[in-house]
PDB file of N, CA and C in Angstrom:
ATOM      1  N   MET A   1      79.898 100.475 120.846  1.00  0.00           N
ATOM      2  CA  MET A   1      80.253  99.327 120.291  1.00  0.00           C
ATOM      3  C   MET A   1      81.349  99.431 119.378  1.00  0.00           C
ATOM      4  N   ARG A   2      82.007  98.045 119.191  1.00  0.00           N
ATOM      5  CA  ARG A   2      83.161  98.137 118.297  1.00  0.00           C
ATOM      6  C   ARG A   2      83.058  98.978 116.901  1.00  0.00           C
ATOM      7  N   SER A   3      81.824  98.278 116.356  1.00  0.00           N
ATOM      8  CA  SER A   3      81.662  98.711 114.928  1.00  0.00           C
ATOM      9  C   SER A   3      81.506 100.454 115.002  1.00  0.00           C
ATOM     10  N   ASP A   4      81.090 100.993 116.048  1.00  0.00           N
ATOM     11  CA  ASP A   4      81.268 102.343 115.734  1.00  0.00           C
ATOM     12  C   ASP A   4      82.400 103.025 116.030  1.00  0.00           C
ATOM     13  N   LEU A   5      83.463 102.427 116.891  1.00  0.00           N
ATOM     14  CA  LEU A   5      84.907 102.513 116.927  1.00  0.00           C
ATOM     15  C   LEU A   5      85.606 102.490 115.479  1.00  0.00           C
ATOM     16  N   ILE A   6      85.371 101.278 114.798  1.00  0.00           N
ATOM     17  CA  ILE A   6      85.704 101.236 113.564  1.00  0.00           C
ATOM     18  C   ILE A   6      85.378 102.239 112.669  1.00  0.00           C
ATOM     19  N   TYR A   7      84.284 102.582 112.556  1.00  0.00           N
ATOM     20  CA  TYR A   7      83.831 103.516 111.560  1.00  0.00           C
ATOM     21  C   TYR A   7      84.662 104.820 111.867  1.00  0.00           C
ATOM     22  N   ASP A   8      84.886 105.360 113.241  1.00  0.00           N
ATOM     23  CA  ASP A   8      85.403 106.492 113.564  1.00  0.00           C
ATOM     24  C   ASP A   8      86.751 106.483 112.974  1.00  0.00           C
ATOM     25  N   ALA A   9      87.506 105.341 113.381  1.00  0.00           N
ATOM     26  CA  ALA A   9      88.903 105.479 112.856  1.00  0.00           C
ATOM     27  C   ALA A   9      89.041 105.132 111.400  1.00  0.00           C
ATOM     28  N   LEU A  10      88.091 104.532 110.527  1.00  0.00           N
ATOM     29  CA  LEU A  10      88.203 104.635 109.122  1.00  0.00           C
ATOM     30  C   LEU A  10      88.351 106.310 108.336  1.00  0.00           C
ATOM     31  N   GLY A  11      87.838 106.988 109.591  1.00  0.00           N
ATOM     32  CA  GLY A  11      87.927 108.603 109.035  1.00  0.00           C
ATOM     33  C   GLY A  11      89.298 109.022 108.960  1.00  0.00           C
ATOM     34  N   THR A  12      90.275 108.358 109.915  1.00  0.00           N
ATOM     35  CA  THR A  12      91.570 108.722 110.011  1.00  0.00           C
ATOM     36  C   THR A  12      92.503 107.743 108.765  1.00  0.00           C
ATOM     37  N   VAL A  13      92.232 106.718 108.633  1.00  0.00           N
ATOM     38  CA  VAL A  13      92.808 105.530 107.926  1.00  0.00           C
ATOM     39  C   VAL A  13      91.789 105.195 106.755  1.00  0.00           C
ATOM     40  N   GLN A  14      92.023 105.445 105.543  1.00  0.00           N
ATOM     41  CA  GLN A  14      91.026 105.337 104.499  1.00  0.00           C
ATOM     42  C   GLN A  14      90.987 103.938 104.247  1.00  0.00           C
ATOM     43  N   ASN A  15      91.940 102.987 104.069  1.00  0.00           N
ATOM     44  CA  ASN A  15      92.047 101.665 103.687  1.00  0.00           C
ATOM     45  C   ASN A  15      91.560 100.919 104.479  1.00  0.00           C
ATOM     46  N   ARG A  16      90.933  99.972 104.615  1.00  0.00           N
ATOM     47  CA  ARG A  16      90.177  98.897 105.826  1.00  0.00           C
ATOM     48  C   ARG A  16      91.445  97.954 106.049  1.00  0.00           C
ATOM     49  N   TYR A  17      92.407  97.571 105.014  1.00  0.00           N
ATOM     50  CA  TYR A  17      93.317  96.648 105.080  1.00  0.00           C
ATOM     51  C   TYR A  17      94.454  97.453 105.997  1.00  0.00           C
ATOM     52  N   LEU A  18      94.875  98.508 105.770  1.00  0.00           N
ATOM     53  CA  LEU A  18      95.842  99.489 106.697  1.00  0.00           C
ATOM     54  C   LEU A  18      95.314  99.504 108.067  1.00  0.00           C
ATOM     55  N   LEU A  19      94.127  99.689 108.211  1.00  0.00           N
ATOM     56  CA  LEU A  19      93.536  99.914 109.488  1.00  0.00           C
ATOM     57  C   LEU A  19      93.582  98.496 110.249  1.00  0.00           C
ATOM     58  N   CYS A  20      93.147  97.532 109.698  1.00  0.00           N
ATOM     59  CA  CYS A  20      93.687  96.212 110.475  1.00  0.00           C
ATOM     60  C   CYS A  20      94.789  96.088 110.617  1.00  0.00           C
ATOM     61  N   GLN A  21      95.952  96.304 109.848  1.00  0.00           N
ATOM     62  CA  GLN A  21      97.208  96.071 110.021  1.00  0.00           C
ATOM     63  C   GLN A  21      97.876  97.272 111.136  1.00  0.00           C
ATOM     64  N   LEU A  22      97.161  98.505 110.938  1.00  0.00           N
ATOM     65  CA  LEU A  22      97.653  99.179 112.306  1.00  0.00           C
ATOM     66  C   LEU A  22      97.125  98.876 113.699  1.00  0.00           C
ATOM     67  N   ALA A  23      96.018  98.612 113.651  1.00  0.00           N
ATOM     68  CA  ALA A  23      95.365  98.005 114.812  1.00  0.00           C
ATOM     69  C   ALA A  23      95.882  96.694 115.484  1.00  0.00           C
ATOM     70  N   SER A  24      96.200  96.075 114.564  1.00  0.00           N
ATOM     71  CA  SER A  24      96.918  94.543 115.057  1.00  0.00           C
ATOM     72  C   SER A  24      98.254  94.807 115.663  1.00  0.00           C
ATOM     73  N   LYS A  25      98.967  95.863 114.898  1.00  0.00           N
ATOM     74  CA  LYS A  25     100.316  96.299 115.507  1.00  0.00           C
ATOM     75  C   LYS A  25     100.308  96.848 116.749  1.00  0.00           C
ATOM     76  N   ALA A  26      99.500  97.914 116.668  1.00  0.00           N
ATOM     77  CA  ALA A  26      99.174  98.804 118.072  1.00  0.00           C
ATOM     78  C   ALA A  26      98.743  97.947 119.206  1.00  0.00           C
ATOM     79  N   THR A  27      97.843  97.059 119.182  1.00  0.00           N
ATOM     80  CA  THR A  27      97.223  96.193 119.934  1.00  0.00           C
ATOM     81  C   THR A  27      98.343  95.296 120.761  1.00  0.00           C
ATOM     82  N   ARG A  28      99.188  94.702 119.791  1.00  0.00           N
ATOM     83  CA  ARG A  28     100.498  94.230 120.414  1.00  0.00           C
ATOM     84  C   ARG A  28     101.441  95.031 121.240  1.00  0.00           C
ATOM     85  N   LYS A  29     101.407  96.365 120.780  1.00  0.00           N
ATOM     86  CA  LYS A  29     102.675  97.449 121.387  1.00  0.00           C
ATOM     87  C   LYS A  29     102.046  97.777 122.671  1.00  0.00           C
ATOM     88  N   PHE A  30     100.610  97.991 122.696  1.00  0.00           N
ATOM     89  CA  PHE A  30     100.070  98.550 123.731  1.00  0.00           C
ATOM     90  C   PHE A  30      99.455  97.541 124.747  1.00  0.00           C
ATOM     91  N   HIS A  31      99.140  96.203 124.611  1.00  0.00           N
ATOM     92  CA  HIS A  31      98.760  95.333 125.559  1.00  0.00           C
ATOM     93  C   HIS A  31      99.459  95.088 126.663  1.00  0.00           C
ATOM     94  N   LYS A  32      98.702  95.247 127.736  1.00  0.00           N
ATOM     95  CA  LYS A  32      99.395  94.899 129.030  1.00  0.00           C
ATOM     96  C   LYS A  32      98.956  93.364 129.569  1.00  0.00           C
ATOM     97  N   PRO A  33      99.902  92.780 130.240  1.00  0.00           N
ATOM     98  CA  PRO A  33      99.512  91.454 130.810  1.00  0.00           C
ATOM     99  C   PRO A  33      98.358  91.894 132.008  1.00  0.00           C
ATOM    100  N   ASN A  34      97.590  90.346 131.983  1.00  0.00           N
ATOM    101  CA  ASN A  34      96.396  90.403 132.762  1.00  0.00           C
ATOM    102  C   ASN A  34      95.466  91.352 132.487  1.00  0.00           C
ATOM    103  N   THR A  35      94.993  91.875 131.315  1.00  0.00           N
ATOM    104  CA  THR A  35      94.081  92.776 131.083  1.00  0.00           C
ATOM    105  C   THR A  35      93.522  91.755 129.388  1.00  0.00           C
ATOM    106  N   ARG A  36      92.388  92.300 129.220  1.00  0.00           N
ATOM    107  CA  ARG A  36      91.575  91.696 128.032  1.00  0.00           C
ATOM    108  C   ARG A  36      92.350  92.322 127.009  1.00  0.00           C
ATOM    109  N   VAL A  37      92.259  91.462 125.728  1.00  0.00           N
ATOM    110  CA  VAL A  37      93.000  92.024 124.620  1.00  0.00           C
ATOM    111  C   VAL A  37      91.730  92.815 123.785  1.00  0.00           C
ATOM    112  N   GLN A  38      90.341  92.556 124.345  1.00  0.00           N
ATOM    113  CA  GLN A  38      89.413  93.218 123.581  1.00  0.00           C
ATOM    114  C   GLN A  38      89.276  94.854 124.118  1.00  0.00           C
ATOM    115  N   GLU A  39      89.774  94.855 125.226  1.00  0.00           N
ATOM    116  CA  GLU A  39      89.951  96.061 125.622  1.00  0.00           C
ATOM    117  C   GLU A  39      90.772  96.988 125.279  1.00  0.00           C
ATOM    118  N   THR A  40      91.986  96.502 125.222  1.00  0.00           N
ATOM    119  CA  THR A  40      93.128  96.945 124.320  1.00  0.00           C
ATOM    120  C   THR A  40      92.934  97.336 122.860  1.00  0.00           C
ATOM    121  N   MET A  41      92.107  96.630 122.169  1.00  0.00           N
ATOM    122  CA  MET A  41      91.934  96.686 120.979  1.00  0.00           C
ATOM    123  C   MET A  41      90.772  97.628 120.755  1.00  0.00           C
ATOM    124  N   ASN A  42      89.865  98.109 121.740  1.00  0.00           N
ATOM    125  CA  ASN A  42      89.000  99.344 121.860  1.00  0.00           C
ATOM    126  C   ASN A  42      89.664 100.539 122.381  1.00  0.00           C
ATOM    127  N   ASP A  43      90.555 100.434 122.754  1.00  0.00           N
ATOM    128  CA  ASP A  43      91.339 101.379 123.082  1.00  0.00           C
ATOM    129  C   ASP A  43      92.255 101.883 122.021  1.00  0.00           C
ATOM    130  N   VAL A  44      93.000 101.346 121.208  1.00  0.00           N
ATOM    131  CA  VAL A  44      93.304 101.567 120.225  1.00  0.00           C
ATOM    132  C   VAL A  44      92.524 101.995 118.979  1.00  0.00           C
ATOM    133  N   LEU A  45      91.525 101.402 118.883  1.00  0.00           N
ATOM    134  CA  LEU A  45      90.564 102.044 117.647  1.00  0.00           C
ATOM    135  C   LEU A  45      90.170 103.468 118.160  1.00  0.00           C
ATOM    136  N   THR A  46      89.803 103.681 119.396  1.00  0.00           N
ATOM    137  CA  THR A  46      89.467 104.958 119.861  1.00  0.00           C
ATOM    138  C   THR A  46      90.612 106.174 119.974  1.00  0.00           C
ATOM    139  N   ARG A  47      91.614 105.585 119.920  1.00  0.00           N
ATOM    140  CA  ARG A  47      92.924 106.580 119.947  1.00  0.00           C
ATOM    141  C   ARG A  47      93.127 106.898 118.280  1.00  0.00           C
ATOM    142  N   VAL A  48      92.830 105.771 117.290  1.00  0.00           N
ATOM    143  CA  VAL A  48      93.080 106.040 115.856  1.00  0.00           C
ATOM    144  C   VAL A  48      91.842 107.106 115.676  1.00  0.00           C
ATOM    145  N   GLY A  49      90.465 106.798 116.003  1.00  0.00           N
ATOM    146  CA  GLY A  49      89.243 107.739 115.711  1.00  0.00           C
ATOM    147  C   GLY A  49      89.731 108.975 116.323  1.00  0.00           C
ATOM    148  N   ARG A  50      90.348 109.391 117.544  1.00  0.00           N
ATOM    149  CA  ARG A  50      90.418 110.721 118.032  1.00  0.00           C
ATOM    150  C   ARG A  50      91.812 111.342 117.214  1.00  0.00           C
ATOM    151  N   ALA A  51      92.706 110.705 116.347  1.00  0.00           N
ATOM    152  CA  ALA A  51      93.681 111.257 115.787  1.00  0.00           C
ATOM    153  C   ALA A  51      93.211 112.312 114.892  1.00  0.00           C
ATOM    154  N   ASN A  52      92.309 112.187 114.236  1.00  0.00           N
ATOM    155  CA  ASN A  52      91.647 113.106 113.094  1.00  0.00           C
ATOM    156  C   ASN A  52      91.191 114.328 113.582  1.00  0.00           C
ATOM    157  N   GLU A  53      90.582 113.998 114.959  1.00  0.00           N
ATOM    158  CA  GLU A  53      89.822 114.915 115.941  1.00  0.00           C
ATOM    159  C   GLU A  53      91.123 116.141 116.109  1.00  0.00           C
ATOM    160  N   THR A  54      92.037 115.652 116.620  1.00  0.00           N
ATOM    161  CA  THR A  54      93.277 116.232 116.937  1.00  0.00           C
ATOM    162  C   THR A  54      94.028 117.130 116.188  1.00  0.00           C
ATOM    163  N   GLU A  55      94.053 116.456 115.088  1.00  0.00           N
ATOM    164  CA  GLU A  55      94.572 117.167 113.874  1.00  0.00           C
ATOM    165  C   GLU A  55      93.603 118.343 113.456  1.00  0.00           C
ATOM    166  N   ARG A  56      92.560 118.371 113.450  1.00  0.00           N
ATOM    167  CA  ARG A  56      91.727 119.331 113.362  1.00  0.00           C
ATOM    168  C   ARG A  56      91.579 120.519 114.182  1.00  0.00           C
ATOM    169  N   ILE A  57      91.978 120.042 115.341  1.00  0.00           N
ATOM    170  CA  ILE A  57      91.989 121.102 116.634  1.00  0.00           C
ATOM    171  C   ILE A  57      93.208 121.797 116.502  1.00  0.00           C
ATOM    172  N   MET A  58      94.600 121.143 116.119  1.00  0.00           N
ATOM    173  CA  MET A  58      95.921 121.725 116.478  1.00  0.00           C
ATOM    174  C   MET A  58      96.279 121.955 115.053  1.00  0.00           C
ATOM    175  N   GLY A  59      95.608 121.511 113.912  1.00  0.00           N
ATOM    176  CA  GLY A  59      96.011 122.103 112.596  1.00  0.00           C
ATOM    177  C   GLY A  59      97.308 121.067 112.362  1.00  0.00           C
ATOM    178  N   SER A  60      97.551 120.947 110.997  1.00  0.00           N
ATOM    179  CA  SER A  60      98.338 119.972 110.526  1.00  0.00           C
ATOM    180  C   SER A  60      99.781 120.114 110.827  1.00  0.00           C
ATOM    181  N   VAL A  61     100.639 119.020 111.164  1.00  0.00           N
ATOM    182  CA  VAL A  61     102.185 119.338 111.317  1.00  0.00           C
ATOM    183  C   VAL A  61     102.774 120.090 110.828  1.00  0.00           C
ATOM    184  N   GLU A  62     102.538 120.101 109.060  1.00  0.00           N
ATOM    185  CA  GLU A  62     103.365 120.945 108.208  1.00  0.00           C
ATOM    186  C   GLU A  62     103.137 122.321 108.631  1.00  0.00           C
ATOM    187  N   GLU A  63     102.060 122.701 108.950  1.00  0.00           N
ATOM    188  CA  GLU A  63     101.731 124.135 108.788  1.00  0.00           C
ATOM    189  C   GLU A  63     102.147 124.631 110.272  1.00  0.00           C
ATOM    190  N   SER A  64     102.201 123.910 111.409  1.00  0.00           N
ATOM    191  CA  SER A  64     102.700 124.323 112.633  1.00  0.00           C
ATOM    192  C   SER A  64     104.276 124.410 112.826  1.00  0.00           C
ATOM    193  N   PHE A  65     104.952 123.405 112.125  1.00  0.00           N
ATOM    194  CA  PHE A  65     106.349 123.140 112.325  1.00  0.00           C
ATOM    195  C   PHE A  65     106.831 124.019 111.075  1.00  0.00           C
ATOM    196  N   VAL A  66     107.659 124.823 111.288  1.00  0.00           N
ATOM    197  CA  VAL A  66     108.505 125.680 110.343  1.00  0.00           C
ATOM    198  C   VAL A  66     110.149 125.475 110.866  1.00  0.00           C
ATOM    199  N   PRO A  67     110.585 124.725 110.020  1.00  0.00           N
ATOM    200  CA  PRO A  67     112.207 124.831 110.572  1.00  0.00           C
ATOM    201  C   PRO A  67     112.800 126.178 110.287  1.00  0.00           C
ATOM    202  N   GLN A  68     113.988 126.349 111.306  1.00  0.00           N
ATOM    203  CA  GLN A  68     114.370 127.740 111.178  1.00  0.00           C
ATOM    204  C   GLN A  68     116.076 127.357 111.016  1.00  0.00           C
ATOM    205  N   ARG A  69     116.506 128.180 110.143  1.00  0.00           N
ATOM    206  CA  ARG A  69     117.762 128.155 109.917  1.00  0.00           C
ATOM    207  C   ARG A  69     118.696 128.656 110.811  1.00  0.00           C
ATOM    208  N   ARG A  70     119.688 128.085 111.157  1.00  0.00           N
ATOM    209  CA  ARG A  70     120.913 128.685 111.990  1.00  0.00           C
ATOM    210  C   ARG A  70     121.939 128.968 111.171  1.00  0.00           C
ATOM    211  N   ALA A  71     122.634 130.153 111.763  1.00  0.00           N
ATOM    212  CA  ALA A  71     123.940 130.476 110.930  1.00  0.00           C
ATOM    213  C   ALA A  71     125.001 129.922 111.240  1.00  0.00           C
ATOM    214  N   ALA A  72     125.979 129.506 110.336  1.00  0.00           N
ATOM    215  CA  ALA A  72     126.796 128.620 110.488  1.00  0.00           C
ATOM    216  C   ALA A  72     128.073 129.061 111.356  1.00  0.00           C
TER     217      ALA A  72
END
């Protein structure tokens, strides 16, 4: 159900207003013609909910990315 997707996505985005803004913008970007908007919205909420899991598995971006200096 969509409420489960919303609660999973709230783990990534703490503010409900920001989640609404993110979901609406992403739904407009990812929507394909001749498909249901509801399915696109569910897909977006699933992706946002999984973003937190991916970060836990891979580590944070700051930890994994170390800029290297090059000689001039």
